[in-house]
């Protein structure tokens, strides 16, 4: 089963853990050279950040790419510099999961909820967001379902709109919930080193 093979890959990867600032930070190094970095809230065990880093074409370290959480900000440019920066009113797409759902937030979308259409495209294995006024279109995959080779189910999809933010939720299938529980048990067994000399008590 594909879900089992993914949990086996995670278990067999080289993992290091660090407890810092109320978070459990875990770094994974896979046999193919890929790296994954995750951060969990120590109190709630919720995943806050997941990033991936692949080798570049020359075999060197590539840039970290965010899968869950805010995308890494680029270098800050001062106000008097001639550097170009992205318009702060542009839509901002990010993923922020809950315990039971994969969740994506798109900020700076001021249109009413009726304008939005959110659907599953099973053959392309993606979710599509579009507006009837043709002002916004976004197609994205759910890497967790791809890694576990699970089908996309339109009945698991829902969305809401408030404060100029579209929130798209996809209910996690039982296989994913089981995998996440199993992985969390493994991560809690890791001896996490503490940042600094403070006395660190893990849960």
N, C-alpha and C. Protein backbone atom coordinates (compact mmCIF):
# COMPACT_ATOMS: atom_id res chain seq x y z
N UNK A 1 0.85 -1.20 0.00
CA UNK A 1 0.00 0.00 0.00
C UNK A 1 0.88 1.25 0.00
N UNK A 2 0.49 2.23 -0.82
CA UNK A 2 1.32 3.43 -1.00
C UNK A 2 1.48 4.23 0.29
N UNK A 3 0.40 4.30 1.09
CA UNK A 3 0.48 5.06 2.35
C UNK A 3 1.56 4.45 3.23
N UNK A 4 1.58 3.11 3.28
CA UNK A 4 2.56 2.42 4.10
C UNK A 4 3.97 2.68 3.61
N UNK A 5 4.16 2.71 2.28
CA UNK A 5 5.51 2.92 1.76
C UNK A 5 6.01 4.33 2.12
N UNK A 6 5.10 5.33 2.16
CA UNK A 6 5.52 6.69 2.51
C UNK A 6 5.91 6.77 3.98
N UNK A 7 5.14 6.13 4.86
CA UNK A 7 5.51 6.14 6.29
C UNK A 7 6.82 5.39 6.50
N UNK A 8 7.05 4.33 5.70
CA UNK A 8 8.31 3.59 5.79
C UNK A 8 9.49 4.46 5.36
N UNK A 9 9.28 5.26 4.30
CA UNK A 9 10.34 6.18 3.83
C UNK A 9 10.65 7.20 4.93
N UNK A 10 9.60 7.73 5.57
CA UNK A 10 9.80 8.71 6.64
C UNK A 10 10.55 8.08 7.81
N UNK A 11 10.16 6.85 8.18
CA UNK A 11 10.80 6.18 9.32
C UNK A 11 12.26 5.85 9.04
N UNK A 12 12.56 5.50 7.78
CA UNK A 12 13.94 5.10 7.44
C UNK A 12 14.86 6.30 7.16
N UNK A 13 14.28 7.50 7.06
CA UNK A 13 15.11 8.68 6.79
C UNK A 13 15.93 9.03 8.03
N UNK A 14 17.01 9.78 7.80
CA UNK A 14 17.85 10.24 8.92
C UNK A 14 17.19 11.50 9.49
N UNK A 15 16.85 11.45 10.78
CA UNK A 15 16.10 12.55 11.39
C UNK A 15 16.88 13.17 12.55
N UNK A 16 16.82 14.50 12.62
CA UNK A 16 17.36 15.20 13.79
C UNK A 16 16.27 16.14 14.28
N UNK A 17 16.18 16.31 15.60
CA UNK A 17 15.13 17.14 16.17
C UNK A 17 15.72 18.21 17.07
N UNK A 18 15.02 19.33 17.13
CA UNK A 18 15.43 20.46 17.97
C UNK A 18 14.17 21.03 18.60
N UNK A 19 14.19 21.23 19.90
CA UNK A 19 13.08 21.89 20.59
C UNK A 19 13.47 23.34 20.81
N UNK A 20 12.66 24.27 20.26
CA UNK A 20 13.02 25.69 20.37
C UNK A 20 11.76 26.55 20.24
N UNK A 21 11.62 27.50 21.14
CA UNK A 21 10.57 28.51 21.03
C UNK A 21 9.18 27.89 20.95
N UNK A 22 8.95 26.85 21.76
CA UNK A 22 7.63 26.21 21.79
C UNK A 22 7.33 25.34 20.58
N UNK A 23 8.38 25.01 19.81
CA UNK A 23 8.18 24.20 18.61
C UNK A 23 9.11 23.00 18.60
N UNK A 24 8.64 21.91 18.01
CA UNK A 24 9.50 20.76 17.73
C UNK A 24 9.89 20.86 16.26
N UNK A 25 11.18 21.08 16.00
CA UNK A 25 11.66 21.21 14.63
C UNK A 25 12.36 19.91 14.24
N UNK A 26 11.95 19.33 13.12
CA UNK A 26 12.51 18.05 12.69
C UNK A 26 13.08 18.20 11.28
N UNK A 27 14.31 17.71 11.10
CA UNK A 27 14.95 17.73 9.79
C UNK A 27 15.09 16.29 9.32
N UNK A 28 14.63 16.03 8.09
CA UNK A 28 14.71 14.69 7.49
C UNK A 28 15.71 14.73 6.34
N UNK A 29 16.55 13.71 6.27
CA UNK A 29 17.44 13.54 5.12
C UNK A 29 17.13 12.18 4.51
N UNK A 30 16.67 12.19 3.26
CA UNK A 30 16.26 10.96 2.59
C UNK A 30 17.43 10.37 1.80
N UNK A 31 17.29 9.09 1.48
CA UNK A 31 18.38 8.38 0.80
C UNK A 31 18.68 8.96 -0.58
N UNK A 32 17.68 9.61 -1.22
CA UNK A 32 17.91 10.19 -2.55
C UNK A 32 18.51 11.59 -2.48
N UNK A 33 18.84 12.06 -1.25
CA UNK A 33 19.46 13.37 -1.09
C UNK A 33 18.48 14.51 -0.83
N UNK A 34 17.17 14.23 -0.96
CA UNK A 34 16.17 15.27 -0.66
C UNK A 34 16.15 15.53 0.83
N UNK A 35 15.80 16.77 1.20
CA UNK A 35 15.68 17.13 2.61
C UNK A 35 14.28 17.69 2.86
N UNK A 36 13.76 17.39 4.06
CA UNK A 36 12.48 17.97 4.46
C UNK A 36 12.63 18.51 5.87
N UNK A 37 12.03 19.67 6.11
CA UNK A 37 12.10 20.29 7.42
C UNK A 37 10.67 20.57 7.88
N UNK A 38 10.34 20.15 9.11
CA UNK A 38 8.99 20.38 9.64
C UNK A 38 9.07 21.06 11.00
N UNK A 39 8.05 21.84 11.33
CA UNK A 39 7.92 22.43 12.65
C UNK A 39 6.53 22.13 13.19
N UNK A 40 6.49 21.63 14.43
CA UNK A 40 5.21 21.33 15.08
C UNK A 40 5.07 22.17 16.34
N UNK A 41 3.84 22.60 16.62
CA UNK A 41 3.55 23.28 17.87
C UNK A 41 3.62 22.26 19.00
N UNK A 42 4.43 22.54 20.03
CA UNK A 42 4.61 21.57 21.12
C UNK A 42 3.33 21.32 21.91
N UNK A 43 2.49 22.36 22.02
CA UNK A 43 1.26 22.21 22.82
C UNK A 43 0.17 21.46 22.06
N UNK A 44 -0.04 21.82 20.80
CA UNK A 44 -1.16 21.24 20.04
C UNK A 44 -0.74 20.10 19.11
N UNK A 45 0.58 19.93 18.87
CA UNK A 45 1.11 18.96 17.91
C UNK A 45 0.72 19.27 16.46
N UNK A 46 0.22 20.49 16.22
CA UNK A 46 -0.15 20.85 14.84
C UNK A 46 1.08 21.19 14.02
N UNK A 47 1.04 20.78 12.76
CA UNK A 47 2.12 21.10 11.82
C UNK A 47 2.02 22.57 11.44
N UNK A 48 3.10 23.33 11.64
CA UNK A 48 3.11 24.76 11.34
C UNK A 48 3.83 25.01 10.01
N UNK A 49 4.95 24.30 9.80
CA UNK A 49 5.77 24.52 8.60
C UNK A 49 6.24 23.18 8.05
N UNK A 50 6.22 23.07 6.72
CA UNK A 50 6.91 21.95 6.04
C UNK A 50 7.60 22.53 4.83
N UNK A 51 8.91 22.30 4.74
CA UNK A 51 9.70 22.81 3.61
C UNK A 51 10.48 21.66 3.00
N UNK A 52 10.78 21.78 1.71
CA UNK A 52 11.57 20.79 0.99
C UNK A 52 12.77 21.46 0.36
N UNK A 53 13.88 20.71 0.30
CA UNK A 53 15.06 21.19 -0.44
C UNK A 53 15.60 20.03 -1.27
N UNK A 54 15.73 20.28 -2.56
CA UNK A 54 16.25 19.27 -3.48
C UNK A 54 17.62 19.71 -3.97
N UNK A 55 18.37 18.75 -4.43
CA UNK A 55 19.66 19.08 -5.05
C UNK A 55 19.39 19.82 -6.36
N UNK A 56 20.23 20.80 -6.69
CA UNK A 56 20.06 21.47 -7.98
C UNK A 56 20.72 20.64 -9.08
N UNK A 57 20.64 21.12 -10.32
CA UNK A 57 21.14 20.32 -11.46
C UNK A 57 22.63 20.02 -11.37
N UNK A 58 23.39 20.87 -10.67
CA UNK A 58 24.82 20.63 -10.52
C UNK A 58 25.16 19.81 -9.27
N UNK A 59 24.11 19.38 -8.55
CA UNK A 59 24.34 18.54 -7.37
C UNK A 59 24.51 19.33 -6.08
N UNK A 60 24.43 20.66 -6.17
CA UNK A 60 24.57 21.48 -4.95
C UNK A 60 23.23 21.64 -4.25
N UNK A 61 23.24 22.38 -3.13
CA UNK A 61 22.02 22.59 -2.36
C UNK A 61 21.10 23.57 -3.09
N UNK A 62 19.83 23.19 -3.25
CA UNK A 62 18.85 24.09 -3.84
C UNK A 62 18.25 24.99 -2.77
N UNK A 63 17.28 25.81 -3.16
CA UNK A 63 16.58 26.68 -2.22
C UNK A 63 15.49 25.88 -1.51
N UNK A 64 15.17 26.28 -0.27
CA UNK A 64 14.06 25.66 0.45
C UNK A 64 12.75 26.13 -0.19
N UNK A 65 11.82 25.20 -0.40
CA UNK A 65 10.50 25.51 -0.95
C UNK A 65 9.44 25.16 0.10
N UNK A 66 8.59 26.12 0.43
CA UNK A 66 7.56 25.89 1.45
C UNK A 66 6.40 25.09 0.87
N UNK A 67 5.99 24.05 1.58
CA UNK A 67 4.80 23.28 1.22
C UNK A 67 3.65 23.68 2.16
N UNK A 68 3.99 23.84 3.45
CA UNK A 68 3.01 24.28 4.45
C UNK A 68 3.62 25.48 5.17
N UNK A 69 2.79 26.49 5.45
CA UNK A 69 3.28 27.68 6.15
C UNK A 69 3.65 28.79 5.18
N UNK A 70 4.06 29.92 5.73
CA UNK A 70 4.41 31.09 4.93
C UNK A 70 5.62 30.80 4.06
N UNK A 71 5.60 31.31 2.84
CA UNK A 71 6.78 31.20 1.97
C UNK A 71 7.89 32.07 2.53
N UNK A 72 9.11 31.62 2.37
CA UNK A 72 10.24 32.37 2.91
C UNK A 72 10.34 33.72 2.23
N UNK A 73 10.45 34.75 3.03
CA UNK A 73 10.57 36.11 2.48
C UNK A 73 11.95 36.29 1.88
N UNK A 74 12.01 37.03 0.81
CA UNK A 74 13.30 37.32 0.18
C UNK A 74 14.02 38.40 0.95
N UNK A 75 15.19 38.84 0.51
CA UNK A 75 15.90 39.89 1.21
C UNK A 75 15.07 41.18 1.27
N UNK A 76 15.11 41.84 2.40
CA UNK A 76 14.33 43.07 2.57
C UNK A 76 15.01 44.20 1.82
N UNK A 77 14.22 44.90 1.03
CA UNK A 77 14.80 46.04 0.30
C UNK A 77 14.39 47.31 1.01
N UNK A 78 15.32 48.23 1.12
CA UNK A 78 15.01 49.49 1.80
C UNK A 78 14.12 50.35 0.90
N UNK A 79 13.41 51.31 1.51
CA UNK A 79 12.45 52.12 0.78
C UNK A 79 13.10 52.98 -0.30
N UNK A 80 14.36 53.36 -0.09
CA UNK A 80 15.01 54.23 -1.07
C UNK A 80 15.78 53.46 -2.14
N UNK A 81 15.68 52.14 -2.11
CA UNK A 81 16.40 51.37 -3.14
C UNK A 81 15.57 51.30 -4.41
N UNK A 82 16.22 50.92 -5.51
CA UNK A 82 15.51 50.83 -6.78
C UNK A 82 14.99 49.42 -7.03
N UNK A 83 15.11 48.56 -6.02
CA UNK A 83 14.67 47.17 -6.18
C UNK A 83 13.18 47.08 -6.41
N UNK A 84 12.77 46.13 -7.28
CA UNK A 84 11.34 45.91 -7.52
C UNK A 84 10.81 44.99 -6.44
N UNK A 85 9.57 45.24 -6.02
CA UNK A 85 8.96 44.36 -5.05
C UNK A 85 7.53 44.04 -5.47
N UNK A 86 7.04 42.89 -5.01
CA UNK A 86 5.70 42.46 -5.36
C UNK A 86 4.68 43.40 -4.73
N UNK A 87 3.62 43.69 -5.48
CA UNK A 87 2.56 44.55 -4.97
C UNK A 87 1.90 43.89 -3.76
N UNK A 88 1.81 44.64 -2.65
CA UNK A 88 1.29 44.05 -1.42
C UNK A 88 -0.21 43.77 -1.49
N UNK A 89 -0.88 44.25 -2.57
CA UNK A 89 -2.31 43.98 -2.72
C UNK A 89 -2.57 42.76 -3.59
N UNK A 90 -1.50 42.14 -4.13
CA UNK A 90 -1.67 40.93 -4.93
C UNK A 90 -2.16 39.78 -4.04
N UNK A 91 -2.92 38.82 -4.61
CA UNK A 91 -3.35 37.67 -3.81
C UNK A 91 -2.14 36.89 -3.27
N UNK A 92 -2.23 36.47 -2.01
CA UNK A 92 -1.15 35.70 -1.36
C UNK A 92 -1.70 34.32 -1.03
N UNK A 93 -1.08 33.28 -1.64
CA UNK A 93 -1.53 31.89 -1.49
C UNK A 93 -0.61 31.16 -0.51
N UNK A 94 -1.18 30.56 0.51
CA UNK A 94 -0.38 29.78 1.45
C UNK A 94 -1.21 28.64 2.03
N UNK A 95 -0.51 27.62 2.49
CA UNK A 95 -1.19 26.48 3.11
C UNK A 95 -0.98 26.51 4.61
N UNK A 96 -2.07 26.28 5.35
CA UNK A 96 -2.01 26.27 6.82
C UNK A 96 -2.99 25.21 7.28
N UNK A 97 -2.50 24.02 7.58
CA UNK A 97 -3.38 22.90 7.91
C UNK A 97 -3.95 22.96 9.32
N UNK A 98 -5.04 22.22 9.52
CA UNK A 98 -5.57 21.99 10.86
C UNK A 98 -5.37 20.50 11.14
N UNK A 99 -5.79 20.06 12.33
CA UNK A 99 -5.62 18.64 12.67
C UNK A 99 -6.41 17.73 11.73
N UNK A 100 -7.57 18.20 11.26
CA UNK A 100 -8.46 17.33 10.49
C UNK A 100 -8.53 17.67 9.00
N UNK A 101 -7.96 18.82 8.61
CA UNK A 101 -8.07 19.23 7.20
C UNK A 101 -6.77 19.80 6.66
N UNK A 102 -6.56 19.61 5.34
CA UNK A 102 -5.57 20.40 4.61
C UNK A 102 -6.28 21.73 4.35
N UNK A 103 -5.57 22.82 4.51
CA UNK A 103 -6.24 24.11 4.34
C UNK A 103 -5.35 25.12 3.63
N UNK A 104 -5.94 25.83 2.68
CA UNK A 104 -5.21 26.85 1.93
C UNK A 104 -5.91 28.19 2.13
N UNK A 105 -5.13 29.25 2.30
CA UNK A 105 -5.68 30.60 2.46
C UNK A 105 -5.14 31.48 1.35
N UNK A 106 -6.04 32.19 0.69
CA UNK A 106 -5.63 33.14 -0.33
C UNK A 106 -6.09 34.52 0.13
N UNK A 107 -5.13 35.34 0.57
CA UNK A 107 -5.46 36.68 1.06
C UNK A 107 -5.56 37.67 -0.10
N UNK A 108 -6.15 38.82 0.19
CA UNK A 108 -6.32 39.92 -0.78
C UNK A 108 -7.26 39.56 -1.93
N UNK A 109 -8.31 38.79 -1.62
CA UNK A 109 -9.36 38.52 -2.61
C UNK A 109 -10.65 39.17 -2.10
N UNK A 110 -10.97 40.33 -2.65
CA UNK A 110 -12.07 41.12 -2.09
C UNK A 110 -13.44 40.80 -2.71
N UNK A 111 -13.50 39.85 -3.64
CA UNK A 111 -14.77 39.54 -4.29
C UNK A 111 -15.70 38.77 -3.34
N UNK A 112 -17.03 38.87 -3.55
CA UNK A 112 -17.95 38.11 -2.68
C UNK A 112 -17.84 36.60 -2.91
N UNK A 113 -18.28 35.82 -1.93
CA UNK A 113 -18.14 34.35 -1.99
C UNK A 113 -18.80 33.75 -3.24
N UNK A 114 -19.93 34.34 -3.68
CA UNK A 114 -20.67 33.78 -4.82
C UNK A 114 -19.85 33.76 -6.11
N UNK A 115 -18.85 34.62 -6.18
CA UNK A 115 -18.01 34.72 -7.38
C UNK A 115 -17.08 33.51 -7.52
N UNK A 116 -16.76 32.85 -6.39
CA UNK A 116 -15.75 31.78 -6.39
C UNK A 116 -16.36 30.42 -6.71
N UNK A 117 -15.56 29.64 -7.41
CA UNK A 117 -15.89 28.24 -7.67
C UNK A 117 -14.65 27.42 -7.32
N UNK A 118 -14.82 26.41 -6.47
CA UNK A 118 -13.69 25.56 -6.07
C UNK A 118 -14.07 24.12 -6.40
N UNK A 119 -13.23 23.44 -7.18
CA UNK A 119 -13.56 22.08 -7.61
C UNK A 119 -12.34 21.18 -7.66
N UNK A 120 -12.62 19.89 -7.73
CA UNK A 120 -11.56 18.87 -7.82
C UNK A 120 -11.47 18.42 -9.27
N UNK A 121 -10.25 18.27 -9.76
CA UNK A 121 -10.02 17.73 -11.10
C UNK A 121 -9.31 16.39 -10.93
N UNK A 122 -10.07 15.27 -10.84
CA UNK A 122 -9.46 13.97 -10.50
C UNK A 122 -8.39 13.51 -11.48
N UNK A 123 -8.60 13.73 -12.80
CA UNK A 123 -7.62 13.23 -13.78
C UNK A 123 -6.28 13.95 -13.66
N UNK A 124 -6.31 15.26 -13.35
CA UNK A 124 -5.08 16.03 -13.18
C UNK A 124 -4.59 16.03 -11.74
N UNK A 125 -5.37 15.39 -10.86
CA UNK A 125 -5.03 15.29 -9.43
C UNK A 125 -4.75 16.68 -8.83
N UNK A 126 -5.72 17.59 -9.03
CA UNK A 126 -5.52 18.93 -8.50
C UNK A 126 -6.85 19.56 -8.09
N UNK A 127 -6.74 20.68 -7.38
CA UNK A 127 -7.89 21.49 -7.01
C UNK A 127 -7.81 22.78 -7.82
N UNK A 128 -8.95 23.23 -8.30
CA UNK A 128 -8.99 24.44 -9.12
C UNK A 128 -9.89 25.48 -8.46
N UNK A 129 -9.35 26.69 -8.31
CA UNK A 129 -10.13 27.84 -7.82
C UNK A 129 -10.28 28.79 -9.00
N UNK A 130 -11.52 29.20 -9.27
CA UNK A 130 -11.69 30.23 -10.31
C UNK A 130 -12.83 31.16 -9.93
N UNK A 131 -12.84 32.33 -10.55
CA UNK A 131 -13.89 33.31 -10.27
C UNK A 131 -14.71 33.54 -11.53
N UNK A 132 -16.01 33.79 -11.34
CA UNK A 132 -16.88 34.03 -12.49
C UNK A 132 -16.53 35.34 -13.19
N UNK A 133 -15.88 36.26 -12.49
CA UNK A 133 -15.46 37.52 -13.13
C UNK A 133 -14.09 37.42 -13.80
N UNK A 134 -13.55 36.19 -13.81
CA UNK A 134 -12.27 35.89 -14.47
C UNK A 134 -11.10 36.72 -13.94
N UNK A 135 -11.16 37.10 -12.67
CA UNK A 135 -10.10 37.90 -12.06
C UNK A 135 -9.07 37.03 -11.33
N UNK A 136 -9.43 35.79 -11.01
CA UNK A 136 -8.48 34.93 -10.27
C UNK A 136 -8.65 33.48 -10.71
N UNK A 137 -7.51 32.80 -10.91
CA UNK A 137 -7.51 31.38 -11.28
C UNK A 137 -6.29 30.73 -10.63
N UNK A 138 -6.51 29.62 -9.99
CA UNK A 138 -5.39 28.92 -9.33
C UNK A 138 -5.63 27.41 -9.41
N UNK A 139 -4.57 26.69 -9.81
CA UNK A 139 -4.62 25.22 -9.87
C UNK A 139 -3.49 24.70 -8.99
N UNK A 140 -3.79 23.80 -8.06
CA UNK A 140 -2.74 23.30 -7.17
C UNK A 140 -3.02 21.85 -6.76
N UNK A 141 -1.95 21.14 -6.45
CA UNK A 141 -2.08 19.73 -6.06
C UNK A 141 -2.05 19.60 -4.54
N UNK A 142 -2.34 18.40 -4.06
CA UNK A 142 -2.26 18.10 -2.62
C UNK A 142 -1.13 17.07 -2.47
N UNK A 143 0.12 17.53 -2.21
CA UNK A 143 1.27 16.61 -2.21
C UNK A 143 1.09 15.41 -1.28
N UNK A 144 0.42 15.62 -0.14
CA UNK A 144 0.22 14.52 0.82
C UNK A 144 -0.56 13.38 0.18
N UNK A 145 -1.60 13.70 -0.60
CA UNK A 145 -2.39 12.67 -1.27
C UNK A 145 -1.58 12.02 -2.39
N UNK A 146 -0.75 12.83 -3.09
CA UNK A 146 0.09 12.29 -4.17
C UNK A 146 1.11 11.30 -3.61
N UNK A 147 1.76 11.69 -2.50
CA UNK A 147 2.79 10.81 -1.92
C UNK A 147 2.20 9.48 -1.47
N UNK A 148 0.96 9.53 -0.98
CA UNK A 148 0.31 8.31 -0.49
C UNK A 148 -0.56 7.66 -1.55
N UNK A 149 -0.55 8.24 -2.76
CA UNK A 149 -1.33 7.74 -3.91
C UNK A 149 -2.80 7.53 -3.56
N UNK A 150 -3.38 8.52 -2.89
CA UNK A 150 -4.80 8.48 -2.53
C UNK A 150 -5.59 9.34 -3.51
N UNK A 151 -6.82 8.94 -3.84
CA UNK A 151 -7.61 9.72 -4.80
C UNK A 151 -8.14 11.02 -4.18
N UNK A 152 -8.42 11.98 -5.04
CA UNK A 152 -9.06 13.23 -4.60
C UNK A 152 -10.57 13.00 -4.57
N UNK A 153 -11.21 13.47 -3.52
CA UNK A 153 -12.65 13.26 -3.34
C UNK A 153 -13.33 14.63 -3.24
N UNK A 154 -14.22 14.93 -4.18
CA UNK A 154 -14.86 16.26 -4.20
C UNK A 154 -15.72 16.51 -2.96
N UNK A 155 -16.23 15.44 -2.33
CA UNK A 155 -17.07 15.63 -1.14
C UNK A 155 -16.25 16.08 0.08
N UNK A 156 -14.91 15.95 0.00
CA UNK A 156 -14.05 16.37 1.12
C UNK A 156 -13.72 17.86 1.03
N UNK A 157 -14.11 18.50 -0.09
CA UNK A 157 -13.72 19.88 -0.36
C UNK A 157 -14.80 20.86 0.08
N UNK A 158 -14.37 21.95 0.71
CA UNK A 158 -15.31 23.03 1.08
C UNK A 158 -14.54 24.35 1.07
N UNK A 159 -15.26 25.47 1.03
CA UNK A 159 -14.57 26.76 1.10
C UNK A 159 -15.46 27.81 1.75
N UNK A 160 -14.80 28.82 2.28
CA UNK A 160 -15.50 29.95 2.88
C UNK A 160 -14.72 31.22 2.55
N UNK A 161 -15.35 32.37 2.74
CA UNK A 161 -14.70 33.63 2.42
C UNK A 161 -15.02 34.66 3.49
N UNK A 162 -13.99 35.26 4.06
CA UNK A 162 -14.18 36.30 5.08
C UNK A 162 -12.95 37.18 5.13
N UNK A 163 -13.14 38.47 5.43
CA UNK A 163 -12.03 39.44 5.56
C UNK A 163 -11.09 39.42 4.36
N UNK A 164 -11.66 39.40 3.16
CA UNK A 164 -10.87 39.40 1.91
C UNK A 164 -9.98 38.17 1.76
N UNK A 165 -10.30 37.10 2.50
CA UNK A 165 -9.50 35.87 2.43
C UNK A 165 -10.39 34.68 2.07
N UNK A 166 -9.98 33.95 1.04
CA UNK A 166 -10.67 32.71 0.67
C UNK A 166 -9.99 31.56 1.41
N UNK A 167 -10.78 30.74 2.12
CA UNK A 167 -10.22 29.61 2.85
C UNK A 167 -10.78 28.33 2.25
N UNK A 168 -9.90 27.52 1.68
CA UNK A 168 -10.29 26.26 1.06
C UNK A 168 -9.84 25.11 1.97
N UNK A 169 -10.78 24.24 2.32
CA UNK A 169 -10.46 23.11 3.21
C UNK A 169 -10.72 21.79 2.49
N UNK A 170 -9.83 20.83 2.76
CA UNK A 170 -10.01 19.47 2.23
C UNK A 170 -9.87 18.52 3.41
N UNK A 171 -10.97 17.82 3.73
CA UNK A 171 -10.98 16.93 4.89
C UNK A 171 -9.97 15.80 4.69
N UNK A 172 -9.07 15.63 5.66
CA UNK A 172 -8.05 14.59 5.54
C UNK A 172 -8.70 13.21 5.57
N UNK A 173 -8.33 12.32 4.62
CA UNK A 173 -8.86 10.95 4.67
C UNK A 173 -8.30 10.20 5.87
N UNK A 174 -9.00 9.14 6.27
CA UNK A 174 -8.58 8.36 7.45
C UNK A 174 -7.15 7.84 7.33
N UNK A 175 -6.75 7.46 6.10
CA UNK A 175 -5.38 6.94 5.90
C UNK A 175 -4.33 7.99 6.30
N UNK A 176 -4.60 9.26 5.96
CA UNK A 176 -3.67 10.35 6.29
C UNK A 176 -3.67 10.60 7.79
N UNK A 177 -4.85 10.60 8.41
CA UNK A 177 -4.94 10.82 9.86
C UNK A 177 -4.16 9.74 10.61
N UNK A 178 -4.28 8.49 10.15
CA UNK A 178 -3.56 7.37 10.78
C UNK A 178 -2.05 7.55 10.60
N UNK A 179 -1.64 7.91 9.37
CA UNK A 179 -0.22 8.13 9.07
C UNK A 179 0.35 9.24 9.96
N UNK A 180 -0.40 10.34 10.10
CA UNK A 180 0.10 11.47 10.91
C UNK A 180 0.23 11.11 12.38
N UNK A 181 -0.72 10.31 12.88
CA UNK A 181 -0.63 9.85 14.29
C UNK A 181 0.59 8.97 14.49
N UNK A 182 0.81 8.07 13.53
CA UNK A 182 1.95 7.14 13.60
C UNK A 182 3.27 7.91 13.55
N UNK A 183 3.33 8.91 12.65
CA UNK A 183 4.55 9.70 12.51
C UNK A 183 4.82 10.51 13.77
N UNK A 184 3.79 11.09 14.35
CA UNK A 184 3.94 11.91 15.55
C UNK A 184 4.50 11.08 16.71
N UNK A 185 4.04 9.83 16.80
CA UNK A 185 4.57 8.92 17.84
C UNK A 185 6.06 8.74 17.65
N UNK A 186 6.47 8.54 16.38
CA UNK A 186 7.89 8.37 16.06
C UNK A 186 8.69 9.62 16.43
N UNK A 187 8.15 10.79 16.08
CA UNK A 187 8.87 12.04 16.32
C UNK A 187 9.02 12.32 17.81
N UNK A 188 8.03 11.92 18.59
CA UNK A 188 8.11 12.17 20.03
C UNK A 188 9.15 11.27 20.69
N UNK A 189 9.52 10.18 20.00
CA UNK A 189 10.58 9.30 20.53
C UNK A 189 11.96 9.89 20.28
N UNK A 190 12.06 10.82 19.32
CA UNK A 190 13.36 11.42 19.01
C UNK A 190 13.83 12.25 20.19
N UNK A 191 15.10 12.13 20.49
CA UNK A 191 15.68 12.96 21.56
C UNK A 191 15.97 14.33 20.97
N UNK A 192 15.09 15.27 21.20
CA UNK A 192 15.27 16.61 20.64
C UNK A 192 16.25 17.41 21.46
N UNK A 193 17.29 17.91 20.83
CA UNK A 193 18.23 18.78 21.55
C UNK A 193 17.59 20.13 21.74
N UNK A 194 17.94 20.81 22.81
CA UNK A 194 17.34 22.10 23.11
C UNK A 194 18.26 23.22 22.65
N UNK A 195 17.64 24.27 22.23
CA UNK A 195 18.40 25.44 21.80
C UNK A 195 18.78 26.24 23.02
N UNK A 196 20.06 26.45 23.25
CA UNK A 196 20.51 27.18 24.44
C UNK A 196 20.72 26.23 25.60
N UNK A 197 20.99 26.81 26.77
CA UNK A 197 21.31 25.98 27.93
C UNK A 197 20.12 25.78 28.87
N UNK A 198 18.91 26.20 28.40
CA UNK A 198 17.75 26.08 29.28
C UNK A 198 17.38 24.63 29.47
N UNK A 199 16.76 24.33 30.60
CA UNK A 199 16.29 22.97 30.86
C UNK A 199 15.09 22.72 29.96
N UNK A 200 15.16 21.69 29.14
CA UNK A 200 14.12 21.45 28.15
C UNK A 200 13.39 20.17 28.47
N UNK A 201 12.10 20.24 28.68
CA UNK A 201 11.30 19.04 28.94
C UNK A 201 10.39 18.78 27.75
N UNK A 202 10.57 17.64 27.12
CA UNK A 202 9.69 17.29 25.99
C UNK A 202 8.47 16.58 26.56
N UNK A 203 7.41 16.58 25.76
CA UNK A 203 6.17 15.94 26.20
C UNK A 203 6.33 14.44 26.19
